[in-house]
Structures are given as C-alpha cells and as structure tokens.
Amino acid sequence: MQKTLNVQGMTCGHCESAVKGALNELNGVQAVEVHLDSGKVDVTYSEEKVNQDDMKEAIEEQGYDVVS
C-alpha cells in the first residue's frame, strides 16, 4: 500500500531525516520518500501492520504537522 502525506514545516535535510527516521521505526513501513519542495511524503507500507494514524503520530512527535 502507498500513501502520500502532506507535511507542513519541513525545510531542510534535517527535517527530511527526522521524518524518514520516525516513519522507518514503525513496524510495517517499507519505504519513505520525502519531497521537501512540495511538502509531501510518500510512504509504502503494509496496512496489516501500520495505519495512517500511526504515521501521522510519528511525524507529529518530530514537530511537524500532517494536513489532510
């Protein structure tokens, strides 16, 4: 399953690595691609193991906002 999340507040390489690291720690996340210019994060994951709320919470714990 693939999902694109809109994340506000990412501006640099540190932001990218913080978001990537938080998502990659979740069981079931297989790949993360961060697009700083558009504020989008593409996540490939197993929906049996992780859901969108888990991903949103992991990103928000890093200090960024996930918008619908």
C-alpha atoms as a PDB file:
ATOM      1  CA  MET A   1       0.000   0.000   0.000  1.00  0.00           C
ATOM      2  CA  GLN A   2       1.235   3.514  -0.737  1.00  0.00           C
ATOM      3  CA  LYS A   3       0.070   6.761   0.819  1.00  0.00           C
ATOM      4  CA  THR A   4       1.131  10.362   0.241  1.00  0.00           C
ATOM      5  CA  LEU A   5       1.043  12.567   3.335  1.00  0.00           C
ATOM      6  CA  ASN A   6       1.100  16.377   3.289  1.00  0.00           C
ATOM      7  CA  VAL A   7       3.543  17.545   5.953  1.00  0.00           C
ATOM      8  CA  GLN A   8       3.995  21.197   6.934  1.00  0.00           C
ATOM      9  CA  GLY A   9       7.183  22.608   8.410  1.00  0.00           C
ATOM     10  CA  MET A  10       9.844  20.571   6.575  1.00  0.00           C
ATOM     11  CA  THR A  11      12.511  22.876   5.154  1.00  0.00           C
ATOM     12  CA  CYS A  12      15.898  21.140   5.203  1.00  0.00           C
ATOM     13  CA  GLY A  13      17.849  17.904   5.231  1.00  0.00           C
ATOM     14  CA  HIS A  14      17.489  17.592   9.000  1.00  0.00           C
ATOM     15  CA  CYS A  15      13.702  17.782   8.638  1.00  0.00           C
ATOM     16  CA  GLU A  16      13.817  15.120   5.954  1.00  0.00           C
ATOM     17  CA  SER A  17      15.924  12.748   8.054  1.00  0.00           C
ATOM     18  CA  ALA A  18      13.763  13.308  11.165  1.00  0.00           C
ATOM     19  CA  VAL A  19      10.564  12.419   9.295  1.00  0.00           C
ATOM     20  CA  LYS A  20      12.197   9.486   7.483  1.00  0.00           C
ATOM     21  CA  GLY A  21      13.667   8.141  10.703  1.00  0.00           C
ATOM     22  CA  ALA A  22      10.392   8.375  12.608  1.00  0.00           C
ATOM     23  CA  LEU A  23       8.464   6.574   9.881  1.00  0.00           C
ATOM     24  CA  ASN A  24      11.109   3.908   9.304  1.00  0.00           C
ATOM     25  CA  GLU A  25      10.932   2.985  13.009  1.00  0.00           C
ATOM     26  CA  LEU A  26       7.299   1.924  12.583  1.00  0.00           C
ATOM     27  CA  ASN A  27       6.767  -1.789  12.075  1.00  0.00           C
ATOM     28  CA  GLY A  28       5.295  -2.284   8.609  1.00  0.00           C
ATOM     29  CA  VAL A  29       6.790   0.772   6.879  1.00  0.00           C
ATOM     30  CA  GLN A  30       8.782  -0.443   3.878  1.00  0.00           C
ATOM     31  CA  ALA A  31       9.898   2.767   2.150  1.00  0.00           C
ATOM     32  CA  VAL A  32       9.773   6.523   2.746  1.00  0.00           C
ATOM     33  CA  GLU A  33      10.408   9.250   0.198  1.00  0.00           C
ATOM     34  CA  VAL A  34      10.400  12.889   1.334  1.00  0.00           C
ATOM     35  CA  HIS A  35       9.831  15.756  -1.126  1.00  0.00           C
ATOM     36  CA  LEU A  36      10.864  18.960   0.659  1.00  0.00           C
ATOM     37  CA  ASP A  37       9.847  21.249  -2.217  1.00  0.00           C
ATOM     38  CA  SER A  38       6.211  20.096  -2.181  1.00  0.00           C
ATOM     39  CA  GLY A  39       5.943  19.095   1.494  1.00  0.00           C
ATOM     40  CA  LYS A  40       4.843  15.602   0.531  1.00  0.00           C
ATOM     41  CA  VAL A  41       5.959  12.297   1.994  1.00  0.00           C
ATOM     42  CA  ASP A  42       5.352   9.064   0.078  1.00  0.00           C
ATOM     43  CA  VAL A  43       5.119   6.052   2.366  1.00  0.00           C
ATOM     44  CA  THR A  44       4.997   2.427   1.225  1.00  0.00           C
ATOM     45  CA  TYR A  45       3.684   0.213   3.999  1.00  0.00           C
ATOM     46  CA  SER A  46       1.835  -2.926   4.995  1.00  0.00           C
ATOM     47  CA  GLU A  47      -1.653  -1.930   6.108  1.00  0.00           C
ATOM     48  CA  GLU A  48      -1.900  -5.061   8.249  1.00  0.00           C
ATOM     49  CA  LYS A  49       0.884  -3.721  10.495  1.00  0.00           C
ATOM     50  CA  VAL A  50       0.621   0.068  10.465  1.00  0.00           C
ATOM     51  CA  ASN A  51      -2.058   2.663   9.694  1.00  0.00           C
ATOM     52  CA  GLN A  52      -2.214   6.314   8.726  1.00  0.00           C
ATOM     53  CA  ASP A  53      -2.872   7.434  12.310  1.00  0.00           C
ATOM     54  CA  ASP A  54       0.362   5.734  13.439  1.00  0.00           C
ATOM     55  CA  MET A  55       2.307   7.518  10.691  1.00  0.00           C
ATOM     56  CA  LYS A  56       0.702  10.878  11.482  1.00  0.00           C
ATOM     57  CA  GLU A  57       1.531  10.483  15.180  1.00  0.00           C
ATOM     58  CA  ALA A  58       5.168   9.572  14.431  1.00  0.00           C
ATOM     59  CA  ILE A  59       5.592  12.666  12.240  1.00  0.00           C
ATOM     60  CA  GLU A  60       3.857  14.979  14.723  1.00  0.00           C
ATOM     61  CA  GLU A  61       6.123  13.705  17.520  1.00  0.00           C
ATOM     62  CA  GLN A  62       9.014  15.137  15.463  1.00  0.00           C
ATOM     63  CA  GLY A  63       7.352  18.573  15.497  1.00  0.00           C
ATOM     64  CA  TYR A  64       5.711  18.648  12.062  1.00  0.00           C
ATOM     65  CA  ASP A  65       2.047  18.941  11.122  1.00  0.00           C
ATOM     66  CA  VAL A  66       0.267  16.438   8.883  1.00  0.00           C
ATOM     67  CA  VAL A  67      -2.596  18.056   6.964  1.00  0.00           C
ATOM     68  CA  SER A  68      -5.368  16.378   5.014  1.00  0.00           C
END
